[in-house]
PDB file of N, CA and C in Angstrom:
ATOM      1  N   MET A   1      10.670-113.627 -39.296  1.00  0.00           N
ATOM      2  CA  MET A   1      10.831-114.989 -38.822  1.00  0.00           C
ATOM      3  C   MET A   1      10.140-115.941 -39.798  1.00  0.00           C
ATOM      4  N   THR A   2      10.775-117.048 -40.070  1.00  0.00           N
ATOM      5  CA  THR A   2      10.208-118.031 -40.984  1.00  0.00           C
ATOM      6  C   THR A   2       9.615-119.189 -40.192  1.00  0.00           C
ATOM      7  N   HIS A   3       8.376-119.508 -40.487  1.00  0.00           N
ATOM      8  CA  HIS A   3       7.686-120.650 -39.869  1.00  0.00           C
ATOM      9  C   HIS A   3       8.429-121.920 -40.286  1.00  0.00           C
ATOM     10  N   PRO A   4       8.577-122.900 -39.384  1.00  0.00           N
ATOM     11  CA  PRO A   4       9.340-124.109 -39.699  1.00  0.00           C
ATOM     12  C   PRO A   4       8.906-124.828 -40.971  1.00  0.00           C
ATOM     13  N   SER A   5       7.623-124.823 -41.312  1.00  0.00           N
ATOM     14  CA  SER A   5       7.174-125.526 -42.511  1.00  0.00           C
ATOM     15  C   SER A   5       6.913-124.581 -43.686  1.00  0.00           C
ATOM     16  N   TYR A   6       7.380-123.339 -43.586  1.00  0.00           N
ATOM     17  CA  TYR A   6       7.210-122.377 -44.669  1.00  0.00           C
ATOM     18  C   TYR A   6       8.113-122.765 -45.842  1.00  0.00           C
ATOM     19  N   ASP A   7       7.546-122.833 -47.030  1.00  0.00           N
ATOM     20  CA  ASP A   7       8.294-123.182 -48.239  1.00  0.00           C
ATOM     21  C   ASP A   7       8.843-121.908 -48.873  1.00  0.00           C
ATOM     22  N   THR A   8      10.132-121.683 -48.752  1.00  0.00           N
ATOM     23  CA  THR A   8      10.755-120.461 -49.278  1.00  0.00           C
ATOM     24  C   THR A   8      10.797-120.430 -50.804  1.00  0.00           C
ATOM     25  N   GLU A   9      10.378-121.530 -51.446  1.00  0.00           N
ATOM     26  CA  GLU A   9      10.352-121.574 -52.909  1.00  0.00           C
ATOM     27  C   GLU A   9       8.946-121.376 -53.473  1.00  0.00           C
ATOM     28  N   ASN A  10       7.962-120.985 -52.631  1.00  0.00           N
ATOM     29  CA  ASN A  10       6.621-120.747 -53.164  1.00  0.00           C
ATOM     30  C   ASN A  10       6.639-119.500 -54.042  1.00  0.00           C
ATOM     31  N   ILE A  11       5.650-119.392 -54.908  1.00  0.00           N
ATOM     32  CA  ILE A  11       5.641-118.313 -55.909  1.00  0.00           C
ATOM     33  C   ILE A  11       5.636-116.918 -55.279  1.00  0.00           C
ATOM     34  N   PHE A  12       4.951-116.740 -54.157  1.00  0.00           N
ATOM     35  CA  PHE A  12       4.909-115.405 -53.549  1.00  0.00           C
ATOM     36  C   PHE A  12       6.249-115.053 -52.911  1.00  0.00           C
ATOM     37  N   ALA A  13       6.952-116.025 -52.355  1.00  0.00           N
ATOM     38  CA  ALA A  13       8.299-115.776 -51.833  1.00  0.00           C
ATOM     39  C   ALA A  13       9.215-115.354 -52.981  1.00  0.00           C
ATOM     40  N   LYS A  14       9.060-115.995 -54.132  1.00  0.00           N
ATOM     41  CA  LYS A  14       9.870-115.632 -55.297  1.00  0.00           C
ATOM     42  C   LYS A  14       9.527-114.237 -55.808  1.00  0.00           C
ATOM     43  N   ILE A  15       8.253-113.882 -55.774  1.00  0.00           N
ATOM     44  CA  ILE A  15       7.850-112.521 -56.168  1.00  0.00           C
ATOM     45  C   ILE A  15       8.446-111.509 -55.200  1.00  0.00           C
ATOM     46  N   LEU A  16       8.392-111.793 -53.902  1.00  0.00           N
ATOM     47  CA  LEU A  16       8.969-110.881 -52.912  1.00  0.00           C
ATOM     48  C   LEU A  16      10.474-110.716 -53.104  1.00  0.00           C
ATOM     49  N   ARG A  17      11.151-111.775 -53.550  1.00  0.00           N
ATOM     50  CA  ARG A  17      12.592-111.694 -53.802  1.00  0.00           C
ATOM     51  C   ARG A  17      12.903-111.123 -55.190  1.00  0.00           C
ATOM     52  N   LYS A  18      11.853-110.782 -55.945  1.00  0.00           N
ATOM     53  CA  LYS A  18      11.967-110.227 -57.296  1.00  0.00           C
ATOM     54  C   LYS A  18      12.564-111.210 -58.298  1.00  0.00           C
ATOM     55  N   GLU A  19      12.389-112.500 -58.020  1.00  0.00           N
ATOM     56  CA  GLU A  19      12.807-113.537 -58.967  1.00  0.00           C
ATOM     57  C   GLU A  19      11.741-113.734 -60.039  1.00  0.00           C
ATOM     58  N   ILE A  20      10.503-113.383 -59.702  1.00  0.00           N
ATOM     59  CA  ILE A  20       9.372-113.447 -60.619  1.00  0.00           C
ATOM     60  C   ILE A  20       8.720-112.066 -60.598  1.00  0.00           C
ATOM     61  N   PRO A  21       8.445-111.489 -61.766  1.00  0.00           N
ATOM     62  CA  PRO A  21       7.820-110.156 -61.789  1.00  0.00           C
ATOM     63  C   PRO A  21       6.342-110.215 -61.426  1.00  0.00           C
ATOM     64  N   CYS A  22       5.820-109.072 -61.032  1.00  0.00           N
ATOM     65  CA  CYS A  22       4.382-108.939 -60.793  1.00  0.00           C
ATOM     66  C   CYS A  22       3.960-107.557 -61.257  1.00  0.00           C
ATOM     67  N   LYS A  23       2.666-107.406 -61.484  1.00  0.00           N
ATOM     68  CA  LYS A  23       2.103-106.095 -61.821  1.00  0.00           C
ATOM     69  C   LYS A  23       1.651-105.477 -60.502  1.00  0.00           C
ATOM     70  N   LYS A  24       2.549-104.684 -59.923  1.00  0.00           N
ATOM     71  CA  LYS A  24       2.337-104.135 -58.588  1.00  0.00           C
ATOM     72  C   LYS A  24       1.301-103.019 -58.592  1.00  0.00           C
ATOM     73  N   LEU A  25       0.418-103.072 -57.588  1.00  0.00           N
ATOM     74  CA  LEU A  25      -0.549-102.005 -57.361  1.00  0.00           C
ATOM     75  C   LEU A  25      -0.036-101.071 -56.269  1.00  0.00           C
ATOM     76  N   SER A  26       0.484-101.636 -55.179  1.00  0.00           N
ATOM     77  CA  SER A  26       1.031-100.818 -54.101  1.00  0.00           C
ATOM     78  C   SER A  26       1.973-101.665 -53.252  1.00  0.00           C
ATOM     79  N   GLU A  27       2.719-100.970 -52.403  1.00  0.00           N
ATOM     80  CA  GLU A  27       3.686-101.642 -51.548  1.00  0.00           C
ATOM     81  C   GLU A  27       3.966-100.761 -50.347  1.00  0.00           C
ATOM     82  N   CYS A  28       4.230-101.398 -49.218  1.00  0.00           N
ATOM     83  CA  CYS A  28       4.679-100.699 -48.019  1.00  0.00           C
ATOM     84  C   CYS A  28       5.761-101.571 -47.388  1.00  0.00           C
ATOM     85  N   PRO A  29       6.355-101.150 -46.305  1.00  0.00           N
ATOM     86  CA  PRO A  29       7.410-101.971 -45.702  1.00  0.00           C
ATOM     87  C   PRO A  29       6.956-103.382 -45.290  1.00  0.00           C
ATOM     88  N   HIS A  30       5.647-103.580 -45.086  1.00  0.00           N
ATOM     89  CA  HIS A  30       5.154-104.872 -44.595  1.00  0.00           C
ATOM     90  C   HIS A  30       4.309-105.653 -45.582  1.00  0.00           C
ATOM     91  N   THR A  31       3.896-105.047 -46.698  1.00  0.00           N
ATOM     92  CA  THR A  31       2.987-105.720 -47.627  1.00  0.00           C
ATOM     93  C   THR A  31       3.335-105.430 -49.082  1.00  0.00           C
ATOM     94  N   LEU A  32       2.860-106.308 -49.951  1.00  0.00           N
ATOM     95  CA  LEU A  32       2.936-106.110 -51.389  1.00  0.00           C
ATOM     96  C   LEU A  32       1.560-106.442 -51.947  1.00  0.00           C
ATOM     97  N   THR A  33       1.063-105.592 -52.834  1.00  0.00           N
ATOM     98  CA  THR A  33      -0.249-105.777 -53.454  1.00  0.00           C
ATOM     99  C   THR A  33      -0.055-105.768 -54.969  1.00  0.00           C
ATOM    100  N   PHE A  34      -0.616-106.783 -55.633  1.00  0.00           N
ATOM    101  CA  PHE A  34      -0.423-106.892 -57.074  1.00  0.00           C
ATOM    102  C   PHE A  34      -1.623-107.590 -57.719  1.00  0.00           C
ATOM    103  N   TYR A  35      -1.700-107.482 -59.041  1.00  0.00           N
ATOM    104  CA  TYR A  35      -2.793-108.082 -59.797  1.00  0.00           C
ATOM    105  C   TYR A  35      -2.536-109.573 -60.012  1.00  0.00           C
ATOM    106  N   ASP A  36      -3.582-110.383 -59.886  1.00  0.00           N
ATOM    107  CA  ASP A  36      -3.485-111.817 -60.105  1.00  0.00           C
ATOM    108  C   ASP A  36      -3.205-112.079 -61.586  1.00  0.00           C
ATOM    109  N   ILE A  37      -2.319-113.024 -61.872  1.00  0.00           N
ATOM    110  CA  ILE A  37      -1.989-113.323 -63.275  1.00  0.00           C
ATOM    111  C   ILE A  37      -3.061-114.163 -63.963  1.00  0.00           C
ATOM    112  N   ASN A  38      -3.973-114.723 -63.181  1.00  0.00           N
ATOM    113  CA  ASN A  38      -5.072-115.515 -63.734  1.00  0.00           C
ATOM    114  C   ASN A  38      -6.375-115.012 -63.119  1.00  0.00           C
ATOM    115  N   PRO A  39      -6.803-113.800 -63.494  1.00  0.00           N
ATOM    116  CA  PRO A  39      -7.944-113.181 -62.815  1.00  0.00           C
ATOM    117  C   PRO A  39      -9.237-113.963 -62.954  1.00  0.00           C
ATOM    118  N   GLN A  40      -9.969-114.037 -61.839  1.00  0.00           N
ATOM    119  CA  GLN A  40     -11.257-114.716 -61.784  1.00  0.00           C
ATOM    120  C   GLN A  40     -12.415-113.717 -61.794  1.00  0.00           C
ATOM    121  N   ALA A  41     -12.094-112.431 -61.897  1.00  0.00           N
ATOM    122  CA  ALA A  41     -13.084-111.351 -61.963  1.00  0.00           C
ATOM    123  C   ALA A  41     -12.397-110.163 -62.631  1.00  0.00           C
ATOM    124  N   PRO A  42     -13.173-109.168 -63.087  1.00  0.00           N
ATOM    125  CA  PRO A  42     -12.549-108.002 -63.709  1.00  0.00           C
ATOM    126  C   PRO A  42     -11.501-107.333 -62.809  1.00  0.00           C
ATOM    127  N   ILE A  43     -11.754-107.320 -61.512  1.00  0.00           N
ATOM    128  CA  ILE A  43     -10.767-106.865 -60.544  1.00  0.00           C
ATOM    129  C   ILE A  43     -10.377-108.089 -59.722  1.00  0.00           C
ATOM    130  N   HIS A  44      -9.105-108.450 -59.771  1.00  0.00           N
ATOM    131  CA  HIS A  44      -8.609-109.581 -58.971  1.00  0.00           C
ATOM    132  C   HIS A  44      -7.195-109.216 -58.514  1.00  0.00           C
ATOM    133  N   ILE A  45      -7.119-108.878 -57.266  1.00  0.00           N
ATOM    134  CA  ILE A  45      -5.881-108.376 -56.666  1.00  0.00           C
ATOM    135  C   ILE A  45      -5.490-109.297 -55.519  1.00  0.00           C
ATOM    136  N   LEU A  46      -4.193-109.435 -55.310  1.00  0.00           N
ATOM    137  CA  LEU A  46      -3.659-110.194 -54.188  1.00  0.00           C
ATOM    138  C   LEU A  46      -2.918-109.258 -53.243  1.00  0.00           C
ATOM    139  N   VAL A  47      -3.147-109.429 -51.956  1.00  0.00           N
ATOM    140  CA  VAL A  47      -2.417-108.693 -50.923  1.00  0.00           C
ATOM    141  C   VAL A  47      -1.663-109.736 -50.114  1.00  0.00           C
ATOM    142  N   ILE A  48      -0.340-109.552 -49.995  1.00  0.00           N
ATOM    143  CA  ILE A  48       0.474-110.503 -49.235  1.00  0.00           C
ATOM    144  C   ILE A  48       1.347-109.757 -48.232  1.00  0.00           C
ATOM    145  N   PRO A  49       1.603-110.380 -47.082  1.00  0.00           N
ATOM    146  CA  PRO A  49       2.579-109.797 -46.170  1.00  0.00           C
ATOM    147  C   PRO A  49       3.982-110.128 -46.684  1.00  0.00           C
ATOM    148  N   LYS A  50       4.944-109.299 -46.339  1.00  0.00           N
ATOM    149  CA  LYS A  50       6.324-109.571 -46.737  1.00  0.00           C
ATOM    150  C   LYS A  50       6.987-110.601 -45.830  1.00  0.00           C
ATOM    151  N   GLY A  51       6.410-110.838 -44.667  1.00  0.00           N
ATOM    152  CA  GLY A  51       6.934-111.860 -43.772  1.00  0.00           C
ATOM    153  C   GLY A  51       6.560-113.249 -44.248  1.00  0.00           C
ATOM    154  N   SER A  52       7.263-114.246 -43.746  1.00  0.00           N
ATOM    155  CA  SER A  52       7.071-115.648 -44.138  1.00  0.00           C
ATOM    156  C   SER A  52       5.974-116.305 -43.316  1.00  0.00           C
ATOM    157  N   TYR A  53       4.730-116.002 -43.648  1.00  0.00           N
ATOM    158  CA  TYR A  53       3.584-116.545 -42.920  1.00  0.00           C
ATOM    159  C   TYR A  53       2.814-117.491 -43.823  1.00  0.00           C
ATOM    160  N   LEU A  54       2.480-118.665 -43.292  1.00  0.00           N
ATOM    161  CA  LEU A  54       1.769-119.675 -44.079  1.00  0.00           C
ATOM    162  C   LEU A  54       0.347-119.263 -44.423  1.00  0.00           C
ATOM    163  N   ASP A  55      -0.370-118.770 -43.415  1.00  0.00           N
ATOM    164  CA  ASP A  55      -1.790-118.495 -43.579  1.00  0.00           C
ATOM    165  C   ASP A  55      -2.237-117.549 -42.464  1.00  0.00           C
ATOM    166  N   MET A  56      -3.528-117.255 -42.413  1.00  0.00           N
ATOM    167  CA  MET A  56      -4.047-116.314 -41.422  1.00  0.00           C
ATOM    168  C   MET A  56      -3.856-116.834 -39.999  1.00  0.00           C
ATOM    169  N   ASP A  57      -3.933-118.138 -39.807  1.00  0.00           N
ATOM    170  CA  ASP A  57      -3.700-118.701 -38.476  1.00  0.00           C
ATOM    171  C   ASP A  57      -2.289-118.375 -38.003  1.00  0.00           C
ATOM    172  N   ASP A  58      -1.307-118.636 -38.844  1.00  0.00           N
ATOM    173  CA  ASP A  58       0.094-118.365 -38.534  1.00  0.00           C
ATOM    174  C   ASP A  58       0.310-116.862 -38.330  1.00  0.00           C
ATOM    175  N   PHE A  59      -0.240-116.063 -39.227  1.00  0.00           N
ATOM    176  CA  PHE A  59      -0.075-114.607 -39.182  1.00  0.00           C
ATOM    177  C   PHE A  59      -0.651-114.026 -37.901  1.00  0.00           C
ATOM    178  N   SER A  60      -1.857-114.435 -37.528  1.00  0.00           N
ATOM    179  CA  SER A  60      -2.506-113.861 -36.340  1.00  0.00           C
ATOM    180  C   SER A  60      -1.773-114.234 -35.056  1.00  0.00           C
ATOM    181  N   LYS A  61      -1.067-115.359 -35.053  1.00  0.00           N
ATOM    182  CA  LYS A  61      -0.304-115.776 -33.880  1.00  0.00           C
ATOM    183  C   LYS A  61       1.106-115.199 -33.852  1.00  0.00           C
ATOM    184  N   SER A  62       1.715-114.999 -35.016  1.00  0.00           N
ATOM    185  CA  SER A  62       3.144-114.708 -35.085  1.00  0.00           C
ATOM    186  C   SER A  62       3.516-113.304 -35.547  1.00  0.00           C
ATOM    187  N   ALA A  63       2.661-112.651 -36.313  1.00  0.00           N
ATOM    188  CA  ALA A  63       3.008-111.329 -36.847  1.00  0.00           C
ATOM    189  C   ALA A  63       2.890-110.263 -35.769  1.00  0.00           C
ATOM    190  N   SER A  64       3.699-109.233 -35.909  1.00  0.00           N
ATOM    191  CA  SER A  64       3.622-108.108 -34.980  1.00  0.00           C
ATOM    192  C   SER A  64       2.328-107.330 -35.207  1.00  0.00           C
ATOM    193  N   ILE A  65       1.954-106.555 -34.230  1.00  0.00           N
ATOM    194  CA  ILE A  65       0.764-105.702 -34.369  1.00  0.00           C
ATOM    195  C   ILE A  65       0.952-104.742 -35.544  1.00  0.00           C
ATOM    196  N   GLU A  66       2.156-104.247 -35.734  1.00  0.00           N
ATOM    197  CA  GLU A  66       2.440-103.342 -36.852  1.00  0.00           C
ATOM    198  C   GLU A  66       2.215-104.047 -38.197  1.00  0.00           C
ATOM    199  N   GLU A  67       2.680-105.301 -38.313  1.00  0.00           N
ATOM    200  CA  GLU A  67       2.472-106.058 -39.546  1.00  0.00           C
ATOM    201  C   GLU A  67       0.989-106.319 -39.782  1.00  0.00           C
ATOM    202  N   GLN A  68       0.269-106.672 -38.721  1.00  0.00           N
ATOM    203  CA  GLN A  68      -1.154-106.950 -38.860  1.00  0.00           C
ATOM    204  C   GLN A  68      -1.918-105.698 -39.281  1.00  0.00           C
ATOM    205  N   ALA A  69      -1.593-104.564 -38.676  1.00  0.00           N
ATOM    206  CA  ALA A  69      -2.266-103.307 -39.035  1.00  0.00           C
ATOM    207  C   ALA A  69      -1.961-102.925 -40.479  1.00  0.00           C
ATOM    208  N   ALA A  70      -0.727-103.107 -40.900  1.00  0.00           N
ATOM    209  CA  ALA A  70      -0.341-102.771 -42.273  1.00  0.00           C
ATOM    210  C   ALA A  70      -1.066-103.663 -43.278  1.00  0.00           C
ATOM    211  N   PHE A  71      -1.264-104.930 -42.934  1.00  0.00           N
ATOM    212  CA  PHE A  71      -1.945-105.869 -43.824  1.00  0.00           C
ATOM    213  C   PHE A  71      -3.400-105.459 -44.021  1.00  0.00           C
ATOM    214  N   VAL A  72      -4.069-105.147 -42.930  1.00  0.00           N
ATOM    215  CA  VAL A  72      -5.471-104.709 -43.020  1.00  0.00           C
ATOM    216  C   VAL A  72      -5.562-103.399 -43.804  1.00  0.00           C
ATOM    217  N   ALA A  73      -4.652-102.463 -43.537  1.00  0.00           N
ATOM    218  CA  ALA A  73      -4.654-101.188 -44.254  1.00  0.00           C
ATOM    219  C   ALA A  73      -4.397-101.400 -45.748  1.00  0.00           C
ATOM    220  N   ALA A  74      -3.510-102.340 -46.089  1.00  0.00           N
ATOM    221  CA  ALA A  74      -3.202-102.612 -47.496  1.00  0.00           C
ATOM    222  C   ALA A  74      -4.423-103.135 -48.240  1.00  0.00           C
ATOM    223  N   ILE A  75      -5.246-103.918 -47.565  1.00  0.00           N
ATOM    224  CA  ILE A  75      -6.478-104.407 -48.189  1.00  0.00           C
ATOM    225  C   ILE A  75      -7.397-103.235 -48.531  1.00  0.00           C
ATOM    226  N   GLY A  76      -7.589-102.324 -47.580  1.00  0.00           N
ATOM    227  CA  GLY A  76      -8.421-101.147 -47.829  1.00  0.00           C
ATOM    228  C   GLY A  76      -7.856-100.272 -48.933  1.00  0.00           C
ATOM    229  N   THR A  77      -6.552-100.077 -48.935  1.00  0.00           N
ATOM    230  CA  THR A  77      -5.898 -99.271 -49.970  1.00  0.00           C
ATOM    231  C   THR A  77      -6.086 -99.906 -51.345  1.00  0.00           C
ATOM    232  N   ALA A  78      -5.920-101.227 -51.415  1.00  0.00           N
ATOM    233  CA  ALA A  78      -6.082-101.925 -52.693  1.00  0.00           C
ATOM    234  C   ALA A  78      -7.502-101.806 -53.226  1.00  0.00           C
ATOM    235  N   ALA A  79      -8.483-101.936 -52.339  1.00  0.00           N
ATOM    236  CA  ALA A  79      -9.885-101.807 -52.766  1.00  0.00           C
ATOM    237  C   ALA A  79     -10.141-100.413 -53.325  1.00  0.00           C
ATOM    238  N   GLU A  80      -9.563 -99.411 -52.694  1.00  0.00           N
ATOM    239  CA  GLU A  80      -9.750 -98.037 -53.162  1.00  0.00           C
ATOM    240  C   GLU A  80      -8.994 -97.779 -54.465  1.00  0.00           C
ATOM    241  N   LEU A  81      -7.719 -98.151 -54.527  1.00  0.00           N
ATOM    242  CA  LEU A  81      -6.921 -97.895 -55.733  1.00  0.00           C
ATOM    243  C   LEU A  81      -7.468 -98.609 -56.957  1.00  0.00           C
ATOM    244  N   SER A  82      -8.027 -99.790 -56.767  1.00  0.00           N
ATOM    245  CA  SER A  82      -8.554-100.575 -57.889  1.00  0.00           C
ATOM    246  C   SER A  82      -9.964-100.163 -58.291  1.00  0.00           C
ATOM    247  N   GLY A  83     -10.638 -99.409 -57.419  1.00  0.00           N
ATOM    248  CA  GLY A  83     -12.024 -99.033 -57.665  1.00  0.00           C
ATOM    249  C   GLY A  83     -13.024-100.072 -57.182  1.00  0.00           C
ATOM    250  N   ALA A  84     -12.552-101.162 -56.605  1.00  0.00           N
ATOM    251  CA  ALA A  84     -13.447-102.220 -56.133  1.00  0.00           C
ATOM    252  C   ALA A  84     -14.399-101.715 -55.061  1.00  0.00           C
ATOM    253  N   HIS A  85     -13.978-100.726 -54.302  1.00  0.00           N
ATOM    254  CA  HIS A  85     -14.793-100.203 -53.197  1.00  0.00           C
ATOM    255  C   HIS A  85     -16.061 -99.502 -53.681  1.00  0.00           C
ATOM    256  N   LYS A  86     -16.109 -99.106 -54.937  1.00  0.00           N
ATOM    257  CA  LYS A  86     -17.246 -98.324 -55.435  1.00  0.00           C
ATOM    258  C   LYS A  86     -18.562 -99.100 -55.426  1.00  0.00           C
ATOM    259  N   LYS A  87     -18.523-100.377 -55.807  1.00  0.00           N
ATOM    260  CA  LYS A  87     -19.768-101.160 -55.881  1.00  0.00           C
ATOM    261  C   LYS A  87     -19.738-102.397 -55.002  1.00  0.00           C
ATOM    262  N   GLY A  88     -18.590-102.660 -54.368  1.00  0.00           N
ATOM    263  CA  GLY A  88     -18.477-103.822 -53.496  1.00  0.00           C
ATOM    264  C   GLY A  88     -17.498-104.843 -54.031  1.00  0.00           C
ATOM    265  N   TYR A  89     -17.028-105.674 -53.135  1.00  0.00           N
ATOM    266  CA  TYR A  89     -16.030-106.677 -53.494  1.00  0.00           C
ATOM    267  C   TYR A  89     -16.051-107.800 -52.468  1.00  0.00           C
ATOM    268  N   ARG A  90     -15.336-108.864 -52.783  1.00  0.00           N
ATOM    269  CA  ARG A  90     -15.222-109.997 -51.873  1.00  0.00           C
ATOM    270  C   ARG A  90     -13.756-110.180 -51.506  1.00  0.00           C
ATOM    271  N   LEU A  91     -13.528-110.476 -50.222  1.00  0.00           N
ATOM    272  CA  LEU A  91     -12.204-110.863 -49.735  1.00  0.00           C
ATOM    273  C   LEU A  91     -12.211-112.360 -49.517  1.00  0.00           C
ATOM    274  N   ILE A  92     -11.157-113.021 -49.976  1.00  0.00           N
ATOM    275  CA  ILE A  92     -11.030-114.464 -49.766  1.00  0.00           C
ATOM    276  C   ILE A  92      -9.609-114.760 -49.312  1.00  0.00           C
ATOM    277  N   SER A  93      -9.498-115.553 -48.269  1.00  0.00           N
ATOM    278  CA  SER A  93      -8.205-116.093 -47.865  1.00  0.00           C
ATOM    279  C   SER A  93      -8.403-117.577 -47.601  1.00  0.00           C
ATOM    280  N   ASN A  94      -7.850-118.388 -48.461  1.00  0.00           N
ATOM    281  CA  ASN A  94      -7.983-119.836 -48.342  1.00  0.00           C
ATOM    282  C   ASN A  94      -6.921-120.353 -47.372  1.00  0.00           C
ATOM    283  N   ILE A  95      -7.319-121.279 -46.495  1.00  0.00           N
ATOM    284  CA  ILE A  95      -6.409-121.811 -45.485  1.00  0.00           C
ATOM    285  C   ILE A  95      -6.468-123.332 -45.513  1.00  0.00           C
ATOM    286  N   GLY A  96      -5.318-123.953 -45.715  1.00  0.00           N
ATOM    287  CA  GLY A  96      -5.209-125.409 -45.647  1.00  0.00           C
ATOM    288  C   GLY A  96      -5.919-126.142 -46.777  1.00  0.00           C
ATOM    289  N   GLY A  97      -5.920-127.456 -46.659  1.00  0.00           N
ATOM    290  CA  GLY A  97      -6.481-128.319 -47.691  1.00  0.00           C
ATOM    291  C   GLY A  97      -7.969-128.149 -47.910  1.00  0.00           C
ATOM    292  N   PHE A  98      -8.759-128.158 -46.839  1.00  0.00           N
ATOM    293  CA  PHE A  98     -10.201-127.992 -46.986  1.00  0.00           C
ATOM    294  C   PHE A  98     -10.548-126.599 -47.520  1.00  0.00           C
ATOM    295  N   GLY A  99      -9.719-125.612 -47.216  1.00  0.00           N
ATOM    296  CA  GLY A  99      -9.946-124.254 -47.703  1.00  0.00           C
ATOM    297  C   GLY A  99      -9.400-124.018 -49.096  1.00  0.00           C
ATOM    298  N   HIS A 100      -8.781-125.044 -49.692  1.00  0.00           N
ATOM    299  CA  HIS A 100      -8.235-125.013 -51.050  1.00  0.00           C
ATOM    300  C   HIS A 100      -7.111-123.975 -51.197  1.00  0.00           C
ATOM    301  N   GLN A 101      -6.237-123.900 -50.182  1.00  0.00           N
ATOM    302  CA  GLN A 101      -5.081-123.002 -50.281  1.00  0.00           C
ATOM    303  C   GLN A 101      -4.075-123.603 -51.240  1.00  0.00           C
ATOM    304  N   GLU A 102      -3.742-122.869 -52.297  1.00  0.00           N
ATOM    305  CA  GLU A 102      -2.829-123.371 -53.317  1.00  0.00           C
ATOM    306  C   GLU A 102      -1.395-122.900 -53.106  1.00  0.00           C
ATOM    307  N   VAL A 103      -1.209-121.718 -52.536  1.00  0.00           N
ATOM    308  CA  VAL A 103       0.134-121.182 -52.295  1.00  0.00           C
ATOM    309  C   VAL A 103       0.331-121.076 -50.785  1.00  0.00           C
ATOM    310  N   PRO A 104       1.370-121.704 -50.251  1.00  0.00           N
ATOM    311  CA  PRO A 104       1.586-121.702 -48.805  1.00  0.00           C
ATOM    312  C   PRO A 104       2.246-120.421 -48.294  1.00  0.00           C
ATOM    313  N   HIS A 105       1.636-119.298 -48.606  1.00  0.00           N
ATOM    314  CA  HIS A 105       2.033-117.980 -48.111  1.00  0.00           C
ATOM    315  C   HIS A 105       0.723-117.208 -47.950  1.00  0.00           C
ATOM    316  N   LEU A 106       0.513-116.608 -46.787  1.00  0.00           N
ATOM    317  CA  LEU A 106      -0.730-115.867 -46.570  1.00  0.00           C
ATOM    318  C   LEU A 106      -0.986-114.898 -47.711  1.00  0.00           C
ATOM    319  N   HIS A 107      -2.185-114.929 -48.208  1.00  0.00           N
ATOM    320  CA  HIS A 107      -2.607-113.968 -49.221  1.00  0.00           C
ATOM    321  C   HIS A 107      -4.117-113.792 -49.148  1.00  0.00           C
ATOM    322  N   VAL A 108      -4.542-112.600 -49.494  1.00  0.00           N
ATOM    323  CA  VAL A 108      -5.963-112.287 -49.570  1.00  0.00           C
ATOM    324  C   VAL A 108      -6.264-111.905 -51.010  1.00  0.00           C
ATOM    325  N   HIS A 109      -7.315-112.506 -51.548  1.00  0.00           N
ATOM    326  CA  HIS A 109      -7.808-112.143 -52.871  1.00  0.00           C
ATOM    327  C   HIS A 109      -8.858-111.056 -52.696  1.00  0.00           C
ATOM    328  N   ILE A 110      -8.797-110.037 -53.517  1.00  0.00           N
ATOM    329  CA  ILE A 110      -9.849-109.029 -53.618  1.00  0.00           C
ATOM    330  C   ILE A 110     -10.469-109.226 -54.989  1.00  0.00           C
ATOM    331  N   LEU A 111     -11.759-109.584 -55.003  1.00  0.00           N
ATOM    332  CA  LEU A 111     -12.488-109.821 -56.255  1.00  0.00           C
ATOM    333  C   LEU A 111     -13.590-108.792 -56.384  1.00  0.00           C
ATOM    334  N   GLY A 112     -13.680-108.152 -57.528  1.00  0.00           N
ATOM    335  CA  GLY A 112     -14.726-107.156 -57.740  1.00  0.00           C
ATOM    336  C   GLY A 112     -14.868-106.809 -59.212  1.00  0.00           C
ATOM    337  N   GLY A 113     -15.600-105.736 -59.450  1.00  0.00           N
ATOM    338  CA  GLY A 113     -15.811-105.275 -60.815  1.00  0.00           C
ATOM    339  C   GLY A 113     -17.031-105.868 -61.481  1.00  0.00           C
ATOM    340  N   GLU A 114     -17.692-106.804 -60.815  1.00  0.00           N
ATOM    341  CA  GLU A 114     -18.923-107.411 -61.294  1.00  0.00           C
ATOM    342  C   GLU A 114     -19.566-108.128 -60.103  1.00  0.00           C
ATOM    343  N   PRO A 115     -20.842-108.500 -60.203  1.00  0.00           N
ATOM    344  CA  PRO A 115     -21.428-109.295 -59.125  1.00  0.00           C
ATOM    345  C   PRO A 115     -20.654-110.616 -59.003  1.00  0.00           C
ATOM    346  N   ILE A 116     -20.258-110.964 -57.803  1.00  0.00           N
ATOM    347  CA  ILE A 116     -19.397-112.123 -57.584  1.00  0.00           C
ATOM    348  C   ILE A 116     -20.192-113.426 -57.424  1.00  0.00           C
ATOM    349  N   GLY A 117     -21.442-113.344 -57.052  1.00  0.00           N
ATOM    350  CA  GLY A 117     -22.252-114.549 -56.908  1.00  0.00           C
ATOM    351  C   GLY A 117     -22.254-115.055 -55.480  1.00  0.00           C
ATOM    352  N   PRO A 118     -22.896-116.206 -55.276  1.00  0.00           N
ATOM    353  CA  PRO A 118     -23.036-116.724 -53.916  1.00  0.00           C
ATOM    354  C   PRO A 118     -21.685-117.211 -53.358  1.00  0.00           C
ATOM    355  N   MET A 119     -21.630-117.357 -52.044  1.00  0.00           N
ATOM    356  CA  MET A 119     -20.425-117.837 -51.382  1.00  0.00           C
ATOM    357  C   MET A 119     -20.053-119.228 -51.857  1.00  0.00           C
ATOM    358  N   ARG A 120     -21.032-120.117 -51.933  1.00  0.00           N
ATOM    359  CA  ARG A 120     -20.815-121.485 -52.378  1.00  0.00           C
ATOM    360  C   ARG A 120     -21.956-121.923 -53.269  1.00  0.00           C
ATOM    361  N   MET A 121     -21.616-122.667 -54.281  1.00  0.00           N
ATOM    362  CA  MET A 121     -22.667-123.252 -55.106  1.00  0.00           C
ATOM    363  C   MET A 121     -23.212-124.457 -54.360  1.00  0.00           C
ATOM    364  N   ARG A 122     -24.507-124.604 -54.321  1.00  0.00           N
ATOM    365  CA  ARG A 122     -25.125-125.750 -53.613  1.00  0.00           C
ATOM    366  C   ARG A 122     -25.805-126.659 -54.605  1.00  0.00           C
TER     367      ARG A 122
END
C-alpha cells in the first residue's frame, strides 16, 4: 500500500524498481540492505523496507507484523554481515524536517567500523 503523500520518485523507490543500481548486502521479500553511496563511517549501510512507507511513524502504523519483523531482522543481519556487530554500531532513522530526513522512504542507517562519537555536538 502506498501512503497518500509517498513520493514514488524518491531515490530508494527507484533503487527498489532497479532504475538505479546499489551495492547490495542482503535482501529478503520485505527488505533491501545496501551500502550508502556517500559513507559517513567505514561501515555505512542502509536498510529499507520494500513497501512504500514514509518513515518509522508510517511503518509502525501501517506495515504488517511480518514486514516489521523482517525489517528488524534485516538490521541484525546487516550488522553481522558487515562486521559492525563486533565492536558496536549506531542505528539512525531520521524522521521529518526536525529529524533531517532527506529521503521520504523509511530507512535505517547502520554506522560502524570506528568510534562514532556523541549523539549530538553541543
